[in-house]
Amino acid sequence: MQYITERYKDGNGKVPYTEWIKKLRKKDPRAASKIDIRIDRAEKGNFGDHKFERDGVWELRIDYGPGYRVYYAMDGNKIILLLTGGDKSGQKSDLDKAVQYWRDYQQE
């Protein structure tokens, strides 16, 4: 199954996932590339190491460096909505933000 990725944008036009990946690309380009590859694979239906967290939010786990995470939700059967990202050290706060972004998105 093919999926389409979209990125959550808040009411002010901020795109948390894009901001995070841009910072990571400057700090650790190799990690950002690994994450890009994982998202490409997810678009093709190969989610790899992922797990349901809570409230409609899933986590892609990237086993590299500090343990990067990409938080996403499924909007219907075809759209992967990228919410935000982080690493294992900020997992709880990143997940809380992702859940809030998903709730905001559903209210639109």
PDB file of N, CA and C in Angstrom:
ATOM      1  N   MET A   1       0.838  -1.187   0.000  1.00  0.00           N
ATOM      2  CA  MET A   1       0.000   0.000   0.000  1.00  0.00           C
ATOM      3  C   MET A   1       0.877   1.242   0.000  1.00  0.00           C
ATOM      4  N   GLN A   2       0.516   2.210  -0.800  1.00  0.00           N
ATOM      5  CA  GLN A   2       1.234   3.482  -0.862  1.00  0.00           C
ATOM      6  C   GLN A   2       0.559   4.480   0.076  1.00  0.00           C
ATOM      7  N   TYR A   3       1.366   5.263   0.751  1.00  0.00           N
ATOM      8  CA  TYR A   3       0.883   6.317   1.635  1.00  0.00           C
ATOM      9  C   TYR A   3       1.429   7.656   1.158  1.00  0.00           C
ATOM     10  N   ILE A   4       0.802   8.704   1.599  1.00  0.00           N
ATOM     11  CA  ILE A   4       1.245  10.064   1.311  1.00  0.00           C
ATOM     12  C   ILE A   4       1.613  10.699   2.653  1.00  0.00           C
ATOM     13  N   THR A   5       2.753  11.373   2.714  1.00  0.00           N
ATOM     14  CA  THR A   5       3.103  12.070   3.954  1.00  0.00           C
ATOM     15  C   THR A   5       2.735  13.546   3.824  1.00  0.00           C
ATOM     16  N   GLU A   6       2.205  14.047   4.907  1.00  0.00           N
ATOM     17  CA  GLU A   6       1.931  15.472   5.047  1.00  0.00           C
ATOM     18  C   GLU A   6       2.505  15.900   6.386  1.00  0.00           C
ATOM     19  N   ARG A   7       2.674  17.195   6.556  1.00  0.00           N
ATOM     20  CA  ARG A   7       3.234  17.725   7.800  1.00  0.00           C
ATOM     21  C   ARG A   7       2.214  18.623   8.478  1.00  0.00           C
ATOM     22  N   TYR A   8       2.051  18.401   9.769  1.00  0.00           N
ATOM     23  CA  TYR A   8       1.136  19.221  10.558  1.00  0.00           C
ATOM     24  C   TYR A   8       1.616  20.665  10.561  1.00  0.00           C
ATOM     25  N   LYS A   9       0.669  21.595  10.352  1.00  0.00           N
ATOM     26  CA  LYS A   9       0.956  23.023  10.424  1.00  0.00           C
ATOM     27  C   LYS A   9      -0.015  23.645  11.424  1.00  0.00           C
ATOM     28  N   ASP A  10       0.515  24.393  12.387  1.00  0.00           N
ATOM     29  CA  ASP A  10      -0.369  24.985  13.386  1.00  0.00           C
ATOM     30  C   ASP A  10      -1.027  26.261  12.832  1.00  0.00           C
ATOM     31  N   GLY A  11      -1.857  26.878  13.640  1.00  0.00           N
ATOM     32  CA  GLY A  11      -2.609  28.058  13.218  1.00  0.00           C
ATOM     33  C   GLY A  11      -1.752  29.253  12.855  1.00  0.00           C
ATOM     34  N   ASN A  12      -0.514  29.278  13.328  1.00  0.00           N
ATOM     35  CA  ASN A  12       0.413  30.371  13.024  1.00  0.00           C
ATOM     36  C   ASN A  12       1.311  30.050  11.832  1.00  0.00           C
ATOM     37  N   GLY A  13       1.078  28.906  11.207  1.00  0.00           N
ATOM     38  CA  GLY A  13       1.894  28.520  10.064  1.00  0.00           C
ATOM     39  C   GLY A  13       3.168  27.775  10.425  1.00  0.00           C
ATOM     40  N   LYS A  14       3.369  27.508  11.703  1.00  0.00           N
ATOM     41  CA  LYS A  14       4.560  26.784  12.155  1.00  0.00           C
ATOM     42  C   LYS A  14       4.400  25.291  11.829  1.00  0.00           C
ATOM     43  N   VAL A  15       5.480  24.672  11.349  1.00  0.00           N
ATOM     44  CA  VAL A  15       5.472  23.248  11.005  1.00  0.00           C
ATOM     45  C   VAL A  15       6.524  22.575  11.892  1.00  0.00           C
ATOM     46  N   PRO A  16       6.095  22.041  13.050  1.00  0.00           N
ATOM     47  CA  PRO A  16       7.047  21.510  14.029  1.00  0.00           C
ATOM     48  C   PRO A  16       7.994  20.442  13.487  1.00  0.00           C
ATOM     49  N   TYR A  17       7.495  19.526  12.664  1.00  0.00           N
ATOM     50  CA  TYR A  17       8.370  18.481  12.142  1.00  0.00           C
ATOM     51  C   TYR A  17       9.459  19.091  11.269  1.00  0.00           C
ATOM     52  N   THR A  18       9.090  20.004  10.397  1.00  0.00           N
ATOM     53  CA  THR A  18      10.067  20.637   9.505  1.00  0.00           C
ATOM     54  C   THR A  18      11.121  21.392  10.306  1.00  0.00           C
ATOM     55  N   GLU A  19      10.693  22.118  11.324  1.00  0.00           N
ATOM     56  CA  GLU A  19      11.653  22.853  12.155  1.00  0.00           C
ATOM     57  C   GLU A  19      12.632  21.891  12.825  1.00  0.00           C
ATOM     58  N   TRP A  20      12.114  20.780  13.341  1.00  0.00           N
ATOM     59  CA  TRP A  20      12.971  19.810  14.015  1.00  0.00           C
ATOM     60  C   TRP A  20      13.969  19.170  13.053  1.00  0.00           C
ATOM     61  N   ILE A  21      13.497  18.717  11.894  1.00  0.00           N
ATOM     62  CA  ILE A  21      14.384  18.009  10.966  1.00  0.00           C
ATOM     63  C   ILE A  21      15.430  18.962  10.382  1.00  0.00           C
ATOM     64  N   LYS A  22      15.082  20.233  10.195  1.00  0.00           N
ATOM     65  CA  LYS A  22      16.061  21.213   9.700  1.00  0.00           C
ATOM     66  C   LYS A  22      17.197  21.402  10.710  1.00  0.00           C
ATOM     67  N   LYS A  23      16.841  21.519  11.982  1.00  0.00           N
ATOM     68  CA  LYS A  23      17.865  21.643  13.029  1.00  0.00           C
ATOM     69  C   LYS A  23      18.734  20.393  13.080  1.00  0.00           C
ATOM     70  N   LEU A  24      18.101  19.247  12.988  1.00  0.00           N
ATOM     71  CA  LEU A  24      18.853  17.989  13.034  1.00  0.00           C
ATOM     72  C   LEU A  24      19.765  17.865  11.816  1.00  0.00           C
ATOM     73  N   ARG A  25      19.290  18.297  10.664  1.00  0.00           N
ATOM     74  CA  ARG A  25      20.089  18.210   9.441  1.00  0.00           C
ATOM     75  C   ARG A  25      21.397  18.999   9.585  1.00  0.00           C
ATOM     76  N   LYS A  26      21.352  20.125  10.302  1.00  0.00           N
ATOM     77  CA  LYS A  26      22.568  20.918  10.545  1.00  0.00           C
ATOM     78  C   LYS A  26      23.468  20.238  11.574  1.00  0.00           C
ATOM     79  N   LYS A  27      22.852  19.694  12.622  1.00  0.00           N
ATOM     80  CA  LYS A  27      23.596  19.074  13.722  1.00  0.00           C
ATOM     81  C   LYS A  27      24.149  17.700  13.360  1.00  0.00           C
ATOM     82  N   ASP A  28      23.332  16.884  12.699  1.00  0.00           N
ATOM     83  CA  ASP A  28      23.710  15.503  12.386  1.00  0.00           C
ATOM     84  C   ASP A  28      23.082  15.093  11.048  1.00  0.00           C
ATOM     85  N   PRO A  29      23.719  15.491   9.937  1.00  0.00           N
ATOM     86  CA  PRO A  29      23.138  15.201   8.625  1.00  0.00           C
ATOM     87  C   PRO A  29      22.901  13.708   8.367  1.00  0.00           C
ATOM     88  N   ARG A  30      23.764  12.874   8.910  1.00  0.00           N
ATOM     89  CA  ARG A  30      23.594  11.431   8.702  1.00  0.00           C
ATOM     90  C   ARG A  30      22.309  10.933   9.364  1.00  0.00           C
ATOM     91  N   ALA A  31      22.043  11.400  10.569  1.00  0.00           N
ATOM     92  CA  ALA A  31      20.801  11.021  11.258  1.00  0.00           C
ATOM     93  C   ALA A  31      19.587  11.484  10.461  1.00  0.00           C
ATOM     94  N   ALA A  32      19.628  12.722   9.971  1.00  0.00           N
ATOM     95  CA  ALA A  32      18.509  13.251   9.188  1.00  0.00           C
ATOM     96  C   ALA A  32      18.288  12.406   7.935  1.00  0.00           C
ATOM     97  N   SER A  33      19.371  11.969   7.300  1.00  0.00           N
ATOM     98  CA  SER A  33      19.250  11.113   6.111  1.00  0.00           C
ATOM     99  C   SER A  33      18.607   9.775   6.453  1.00  0.00           C
ATOM    100  N   LYS A  34      19.001   9.204   7.590  1.00  0.00           N
ATOM    101  CA  LYS A  34      18.411   7.933   8.019  1.00  0.00           C
ATOM    102  C   LYS A  34      16.906   8.102   8.261  1.00  0.00           C
ATOM    103  N   ILE A  35      16.534   9.222   8.834  1.00  0.00           N
ATOM    104  CA  ILE A  35      15.118   9.493   9.091  1.00  0.00           C
ATOM    105  C   ILE A  35      14.362   9.673   7.774  1.00  0.00           C
ATOM    106  N   ASP A  36      14.959  10.396   6.830  1.00  0.00           N
ATOM    107  CA  ASP A  36      14.331  10.559   5.510  1.00  0.00           C
ATOM    108  C   ASP A  36      14.082   9.205   4.853  1.00  0.00           C
ATOM    109  N   ILE A  37      15.061   8.323   4.952  1.00  0.00           N
ATOM    110  CA  ILE A  37      14.924   6.984   4.367  1.00  0.00           C
ATOM    111  C   ILE A  37      13.786   6.219   5.032  1.00  0.00           C
ATOM    112  N   ARG A  38      13.685   6.319   6.361  1.00  0.00           N
ATOM    113  CA  ARG A  38      12.603   5.632   7.075  1.00  0.00           C
ATOM    114  C   ARG A  38      11.240   6.145   6.645  1.00  0.00           C
ATOM    115  N   ILE A  39      11.131   7.442   6.441  1.00  0.00           N
ATOM    116  CA  ILE A  39       9.848   8.012   6.017  1.00  0.00           C
ATOM    117  C   ILE A  39       9.530   7.562   4.598  1.00  0.00           C
ATOM    118  N   ASP A  40      10.532   7.531   3.726  1.00  0.00           N
ATOM    119  CA  ASP A  40      10.319   7.019   2.367  1.00  0.00           C
ATOM    120  C   ASP A  40       9.805   5.583   2.407  1.00  0.00           C
ATOM    121  N   ARG A  41      10.389   4.770   3.272  1.00  0.00           N
ATOM    122  CA  ARG A  41       9.942   3.375   3.390  1.00  0.00           C
ATOM    123  C   ARG A  41       8.511   3.296   3.926  1.00  0.00           C
ATOM    124  N   ALA A  42       8.202   4.144   4.904  1.00  0.00           N
ATOM    125  CA  ALA A  42       6.835   4.153   5.449  1.00  0.00           C
ATOM    126  C   ALA A  42       5.827   4.512   4.365  1.00  0.00           C
ATOM    127  N   GLU A  43       6.189   5.432   3.475  1.00  0.00           N
ATOM    128  CA  GLU A  43       5.293   5.789   2.369  1.00  0.00           C
ATOM    129  C   GLU A  43       4.990   4.587   1.485  1.00  0.00           C
ATOM    130  N   LYS A  44       5.900   3.638   1.457  1.00  0.00           N
ATOM    131  CA  LYS A  44       5.715   2.420   0.655  1.00  0.00           C
ATOM    132  C   LYS A  44       5.058   1.299   1.470  1.00  0.00           C
ATOM    133  N   GLY A  45       4.685   1.600   2.723  1.00  0.00           N
ATOM    134  CA  GLY A  45       4.007   0.621   3.559  1.00  0.00           C
ATOM    135  C   GLY A  45       4.920  -0.157   4.489  1.00  0.00           C
ATOM    136  N   ASN A  46       6.221   0.124   4.450  1.00  0.00           N
ATOM    137  CA  ASN A  46       7.179  -0.556   5.319  1.00  0.00           C
ATOM    138  C   ASN A  46       7.547   0.376   6.479  1.00  0.00           C
ATOM    139  N   PHE A  47       6.783   0.272   7.564  1.00  0.00           N
ATOM    140  CA  PHE A  47       6.992   1.169   8.698  1.00  0.00           C
ATOM    141  C   PHE A  47       8.169   0.742   9.578  1.00  0.00           C
ATOM    142  N   GLY A  48       8.601  -0.492   9.454  1.00  0.00           N
ATOM    143  CA  GLY A  48       9.729  -0.944  10.264  1.00  0.00           C
ATOM    144  C   GLY A  48       9.415  -0.867  11.749  1.00  0.00           C
ATOM    145  N   ASP A  49      10.388  -0.454  12.540  1.00  0.00           N
ATOM    146  CA  ASP A  49      10.238  -0.382  13.997  1.00  0.00           C
ATOM    147  C   ASP A  49       9.361   0.820  14.359  1.00  0.00           C
ATOM    148  N   HIS A  50       8.107   0.538  14.652  1.00  0.00           N
ATOM    149  CA  HIS A  50       7.165   1.584  15.036  1.00  0.00           C
ATOM    150  C   HIS A  50       6.214   1.031  16.084  1.00  0.00           C
ATOM    151  N   LYS A  51       5.569   1.939  16.780  1.00  0.00           N
ATOM    152  CA  LYS A  51       4.617   1.466  17.786  1.00  0.00           C
ATOM    153  C   LYS A  51       3.576   2.533  18.063  1.00  0.00           C
ATOM    154  N   PHE A  52       2.383   2.050  18.396  1.00  0.00           N
ATOM    155  CA  PHE A  52       1.308   2.956  18.797  1.00  0.00           C
ATOM    156  C   PHE A  52       1.623   3.462  20.189  1.00  0.00           C
ATOM    157  N   GLU A  53       1.542   4.767  20.369  1.00  0.00           N
ATOM    158  CA  GLU A  53       1.796   5.342  21.688  1.00  0.00           C
ATOM    159  C   GLU A  53       0.492   5.606  22.428  1.00  0.00           C
ATOM    160  N   ARG A  54      -0.247   6.612  21.984  1.00  0.00           N
ATOM    161  CA  ARG A  54      -1.536   6.905  22.631  1.00  0.00           C
ATOM    162  C   ARG A  54      -2.286   7.980  21.852  1.00  0.00           C
ATOM    163  N   ASP A  55      -3.580   8.024  22.068  1.00  0.00           N
ATOM    164  CA  ASP A  55      -4.436   9.083  21.515  1.00  0.00           C
ATOM    165  C   ASP A  55      -4.261   9.285  20.012  1.00  0.00           C
ATOM    166  N   GLY A  56      -4.066   8.206  19.281  1.00  0.00           N
ATOM    167  CA  GLY A  56      -3.952   8.298  17.833  1.00  0.00           C
ATOM    168  C   GLY A  56      -2.548   8.569  17.310  1.00  0.00           C
ATOM    169  N   VAL A  57      -1.581   8.694  18.213  1.00  0.00           N
ATOM    170  CA  VAL A  57      -0.212   9.023  17.810  1.00  0.00           C
ATOM    171  C   VAL A  57       0.669   7.778  17.826  1.00  0.00           C
ATOM    172  N   TRP A  58       1.433   7.643  16.748  1.00  0.00           N
ATOM    173  CA  TRP A  58       2.381   6.549  16.569  1.00  0.00           C
ATOM    174  C   TRP A  58       3.798   7.092  16.638  1.00  0.00           C
ATOM    175  N   GLU A  59       4.737   6.181  16.815  1.00  0.00           N
ATOM    176  CA  GLU A  59       6.142   6.548  16.920  1.00  0.00           C
ATOM    177  C   GLU A  59       6.965   5.671  15.973  1.00  0.00           C
ATOM    178  N   LEU A  60       7.726   6.302  15.089  1.00  0.00           N
ATOM    179  CA  LEU A  60       8.739   5.594  14.302  1.00  0.00           C
ATOM    180  C   LEU A  60      10.018   5.654  15.119  1.00  0.00           C
ATOM    181  N   ARG A  61      10.623   4.525  15.358  1.00  0.00           N
ATOM    182  CA  ARG A  61      11.849   4.486  16.159  1.00  0.00           C
ATOM    183  C   ARG A  61      13.048   4.249  15.244  1.00  0.00           C
ATOM    184  N   ILE A  62      14.000   5.170  15.315  1.00  0.00           N
ATOM    185  CA  ILE A  62      15.196   5.085  14.495  1.00  0.00           C
ATOM    186  C   ILE A  62      16.353   4.725  15.411  1.00  0.00           C
ATOM    187  N   ASP A  63      16.906   3.560  15.197  1.00  0.00           N
ATOM    188  CA  ASP A  63      17.980   3.052  16.055  1.00  0.00           C
ATOM    189  C   ASP A  63      19.319   3.616  15.581  1.00  0.00           C
ATOM    190  N   TYR A  64      19.532   4.868  15.907  1.00  0.00           N
ATOM    191  CA  TYR A  64      20.770   5.548  15.526  1.00  0.00           C
ATOM    192  C   TYR A  64      20.997   6.675  16.526  1.00  0.00           C
ATOM    193  N   GLY A  65      22.241   6.895  16.890  1.00  0.00           N
ATOM    194  CA  GLY A  65      22.558   7.978  17.822  1.00  0.00           C
ATOM    195  C   GLY A  65      21.800   7.819  19.126  1.00  0.00           C
ATOM    196  N   PRO A  66      21.172   8.915  19.571  1.00  0.00           N
ATOM    197  CA  PRO A  66      20.466   8.874  20.852  1.00  0.00           C
ATOM    198  C   PRO A  66      19.090   8.210  20.792  1.00  0.00           C
ATOM    199  N   GLY A  67      18.766   7.590  19.662  1.00  0.00           N
ATOM    200  CA  GLY A  67      17.460   6.944  19.529  1.00  0.00           C
ATOM    201  C   GLY A  67      16.422   7.938  19.060  1.00  0.00           C
ATOM    202  N   TYR A  68      16.505   8.322  17.797  1.00  0.00           N
ATOM    203  CA  TYR A  68      15.579   9.315  17.259  1.00  0.00           C
ATOM    204  C   TYR A  68      14.178   8.748  17.122  1.00  0.00           C
ATOM    205  N   ARG A  69      13.198   9.652  17.238  1.00  0.00           N
ATOM    206  CA  ARG A  69      11.790   9.307  17.152  1.00  0.00           C
ATOM    207  C   ARG A  69      11.097  10.282  16.216  1.00  0.00           C
ATOM    208  N   VAL A  70      10.185   9.764  15.412  1.00  0.00           N
ATOM    209  CA  VAL A  70       9.308  10.594  14.595  1.00  0.00           C
ATOM    210  C   VAL A  70       7.888  10.251  15.020  1.00  0.00           C
ATOM    211  N   TYR A  71       7.137  11.264  15.410  1.00  0.00           N
ATOM    212  CA  TYR A  71       5.762  11.061  15.857  1.00  0.00           C
ATOM    213  C   TYR A  71       4.818  11.420  14.709  1.00  0.00           C
ATOM    214  N   TYR A  72       3.854  10.541  14.492  1.00  0.00           N
ATOM    215  CA  TYR A  72       2.931  10.724  13.372  1.00  0.00           C
ATOM    216  C   TYR A  72       1.564  10.186  13.743  1.00  0.00           C
ATOM    217  N   ALA A  73       0.591  10.551  12.923  1.00  0.00           N
ATOM    218  CA  ALA A  73      -0.767  10.022  13.057  1.00  0.00           C
ATOM    219  C   ALA A  73      -1.249   9.651  11.661  1.00  0.00           C
ATOM    220  N   MET A  74      -2.215   8.778  11.614  1.00  0.00           N
ATOM    221  CA  MET A  74      -2.800   8.379  10.334  1.00  0.00           C
ATOM    222  C   MET A  74      -4.113   9.129  10.147  1.00  0.00           C
ATOM    223  N   ASP A  75      -4.167   9.903   9.073  1.00  0.00           N
ATOM    224  CA  ASP A  75      -5.391  10.620   8.720  1.00  0.00           C
ATOM    225  C   ASP A  75      -6.077   9.812   7.627  1.00  0.00           C
ATOM    226  N   GLY A  76      -6.998   8.976   8.030  1.00  0.00           N
ATOM    227  CA  GLY A  76      -7.647   8.061   7.092  1.00  0.00           C
ATOM    228  C   GLY A  76      -6.732   6.885   6.800  1.00  0.00           C
ATOM    229  N   ASN A  77      -6.888   6.292   5.631  1.00  0.00           N
ATOM    230  CA  ASN A  77      -6.118   5.105   5.276  1.00  0.00           C
ATOM    231  C   ASN A  77      -4.887   5.398   4.440  1.00  0.00           C
ATOM    232  N   LYS A  78      -4.692   6.636   4.009  1.00  0.00           N
ATOM    233  CA  LYS A  78      -3.628   6.929   3.049  1.00  0.00           C
ATOM    234  C   LYS A  78      -2.621   7.983   3.515  1.00  0.00           C
ATOM    235  N   ILE A  79      -2.974   8.795   4.506  1.00  0.00           N
ATOM    236  CA  ILE A  79      -2.124   9.938   4.852  1.00  0.00           C
ATOM    237  C   ILE A  79      -1.399   9.707   6.172  1.00  0.00           C
ATOM    238  N   ILE A  80      -0.071   9.828   6.096  1.00  0.00           N
ATOM    239  CA  ILE A  80       0.785   9.817   7.285  1.00  0.00           C
ATOM    240  C   ILE A  80       1.035  11.286   7.615  1.00  0.00           C
ATOM    241  N   LEU A  81       0.520  11.733   8.746  1.00  0.00           N
ATOM    242  CA  LEU A  81       0.697  13.125   9.154  1.00  0.00           C
ATOM    243  C   LEU A  81       1.881  13.199  10.114  1.00  0.00           C
ATOM    244  N   LEU A  82       2.982  13.788   9.651  1.00  0.00           N
ATOM    245  CA  LEU A  82       4.168  13.947  10.494  1.00  0.00           C
ATOM    246  C   LEU A  82       3.916  15.086  11.473  1.00  0.00           C
ATOM    247  N   LEU A  83       4.044  14.793  12.758  1.00  0.00           N
ATOM    248  CA  LEU A  83       3.717  15.768  13.790  1.00  0.00           C
ATOM    249  C   LEU A  83       4.957  16.470  14.340  1.00  0.00           C
ATOM    250  N   THR A  84       5.918  15.696  14.798  1.00  0.00           N
ATOM    251  CA  THR A  84       7.163  16.251  15.333  1.00  0.00           C
ATOM    252  C   THR A  84       8.177  15.129  15.467  1.00  0.00           C
ATOM    253  N   GLY A  85       9.344  15.465  15.940  1.00  0.00           N
ATOM    254  CA  GLY A  85      10.384  14.468  16.142  1.00  0.00           C
ATOM    255  C   GLY A  85      11.206  14.817  17.367  1.00  0.00           C
ATOM    256  N   GLY A  86      12.090  13.914  17.724  1.00  0.00           N
ATOM    257  CA  GLY A  86      12.947  14.131  18.874  1.00  0.00           C
ATOM    258  C   GLY A  86      13.828  12.920  19.077  1.00  0.00           C
ATOM    259  N   ASP A  87      14.394  12.824  20.281  1.00  0.00           N
ATOM    260  CA  ASP A  87      15.166  11.627  20.607  1.00  0.00           C
ATOM    261  C   ASP A  87      14.688  11.083  21.946  1.00  0.00           C
ATOM    262  N   LYS A  88      15.253   9.986  22.322  1.00  0.00           N
ATOM    263  CA  LYS A  88      14.787   9.268  23.510  1.00  0.00           C
ATOM    264  C   LYS A  88      14.815  10.140  24.760  1.00  0.00           C
ATOM    265  N   SER A  89      15.778  11.067  24.851  1.00  0.00           N
ATOM    266  CA  SER A  89      15.903  11.889  26.064  1.00  0.00           C
ATOM    267  C   SER A  89      14.699  12.804  26.286  1.00  0.00           C
ATOM    268  N   GLY A  90      14.019  13.217  25.218  1.00  0.00           N
ATOM    269  CA  GLY A  90      12.858  14.094  25.358  1.00  0.00           C
ATOM    270  C   GLY A  90      11.557  13.429  24.978  1.00  0.00           C
ATOM    271  N   GLN A  91      11.548  12.112  25.052  1.00  0.00           N
ATOM    272  CA  GLN A  91      10.436  11.323  24.539  1.00  0.00           C
ATOM    273  C   GLN A  91       9.082  11.730  25.123  1.00  0.00           C
ATOM    274  N   LYS A  92       8.989  11.888  26.430  1.00  0.00           N
ATOM    275  CA  LYS A  92       7.691  12.190  27.037  1.00  0.00           C
ATOM    276  C   LYS A  92       7.162  13.543  26.577  1.00  0.00           C
ATOM    277  N   SER A  93       7.996  14.574  26.626  1.00  0.00           N
ATOM    278  CA  SER A  93       7.507  15.901  26.213  1.00  0.00           C
ATOM    279  C   SER A  93       7.226  15.947  24.714  1.00  0.00           C
ATOM    280  N   ASP A  94       8.041  15.255  23.912  1.00  0.00           N
ATOM    281  CA  ASP A  94       7.789  15.209  22.463  1.00  0.00           C
ATOM    282  C   ASP A  94       6.467  14.511  22.172  1.00  0.00           C
ATOM    283  N   LEU A  95       6.199  13.427  22.872  1.00  0.00           N
ATOM    284  CA  LEU A  95       4.938  12.708  22.684  1.00  0.00           C
ATOM    285  C   LEU A  95       3.760  13.578  23.099  1.00  0.00           C
ATOM    286  N   ASP A  96       3.883  14.274  24.222  1.00  0.00           N
ATOM    287  CA  ASP A  96       2.808  15.166  24.665  1.00  0.00           C
ATOM    288  C   ASP A  96       2.511  16.234  23.614  1.00  0.00           C
ATOM    289  N   LYS A  97       3.569  16.814  23.032  1.00  0.00           N
ATOM    290  CA  LYS A  97       3.383  17.813  21.971  1.00  0.00           C
ATOM    291  C   LYS A  97       2.696  17.182  20.766  1.00  0.00           C
ATOM    292  N   ALA A  98       3.142  15.989  20.374  1.00  0.00           N
ATOM    293  CA  ALA A  98       2.566  15.313  19.215  1.00  0.00           C
ATOM    294  C   ALA A  98       1.077  15.060  19.420  1.00  0.00           C
ATOM    295  N   VAL A  99       0.694  14.632  20.607  1.00  0.00           N
ATOM    296  CA  VAL A  99      -0.724  14.384  20.902  1.00  0.00           C
ATOM    297  C   VAL A  99      -1.509  15.692  20.778  1.00  0.00           C
ATOM    298  N   GLN A 100      -0.948  16.780  21.290  1.00  0.00           N
ATOM    299  CA  GLN A 100      -1.633  18.069  21.187  1.00  0.00           C
ATOM    300  C   GLN A 100      -1.756  18.515  19.724  1.00  0.00           C
ATOM    301  N   TYR A 101      -0.699  18.324  18.951  1.00  0.00           N
ATOM    302  CA  TYR A 101      -0.758  18.689  17.527  1.00  0.00           C
ATOM    303  C   TYR A 101      -1.830  17.871  16.808  1.00  0.00           C
ATOM    304  N   TRP A 102      -1.906  16.597  17.115  1.00  0.00           N
ATOM    305  CA  TRP A 102      -2.903  15.730  16.484  1.00  0.00           C
ATOM    306  C   TRP A 102      -4.312  16.193  16.855  1.00  0.00           C
ATOM    307  N   ARG A 103      -4.523  16.538  18.109  1.00  0.00           N
ATOM    308  CA  ARG A 103      -5.842  17.041  18.539  1.00  0.00           C
ATOM    309  C   ARG A 103      -6.186  18.335  17.812  1.00  0.00           C
ATOM    310  N   ASP A 104      -5.200  19.235  17.718  1.00  0.00           N
ATOM    311  CA  ASP A 104      -5.426  20.495  17.002  1.00  0.00           C
ATOM    312  C   ASP A 104      -5.805  20.236  15.545  1.00  0.00           C
ATOM    313  N   TYR A 105      -5.088  19.333  14.918  1.00  0.00           N
ATOM    314  CA  TYR A 105      -5.336  18.991  13.517  1.00  0.00           C
ATOM    315  C   TYR A 105      -6.763  18.459  13.330  1.00  0.00           C
ATOM    316  N   GLN A 106      -7.198  17.636  14.242  1.00  0.00           N
ATOM    317  CA  GLN A 106      -8.542  17.049  14.134  1.00  0.00           C
ATOM    318  C   GLN A 106      -9.641  18.089  14.317  1.00  0.00           C
ATOM    319  N   GLN A 107      -9.323  19.190  14.983  1.00  0.00           N
ATOM    320  CA  GLN A 107     -10.316  20.254  15.199  1.00  0.00           C
ATOM    321  C   GLN A 107     -10.507  21.130  13.971  1.00  0.00           C
ATOM    322  N   GLU A 108      -9.563  21.072  13.044  1.00  0.00           N
ATOM    323  CA  GLU A 108      -9.637  21.927  11.837  1.00  0.00           C
ATOM    324  C   GLU A 108     -10.796  21.552  10.958  1.00  0.00           C
TER     325      GLU A 108
END
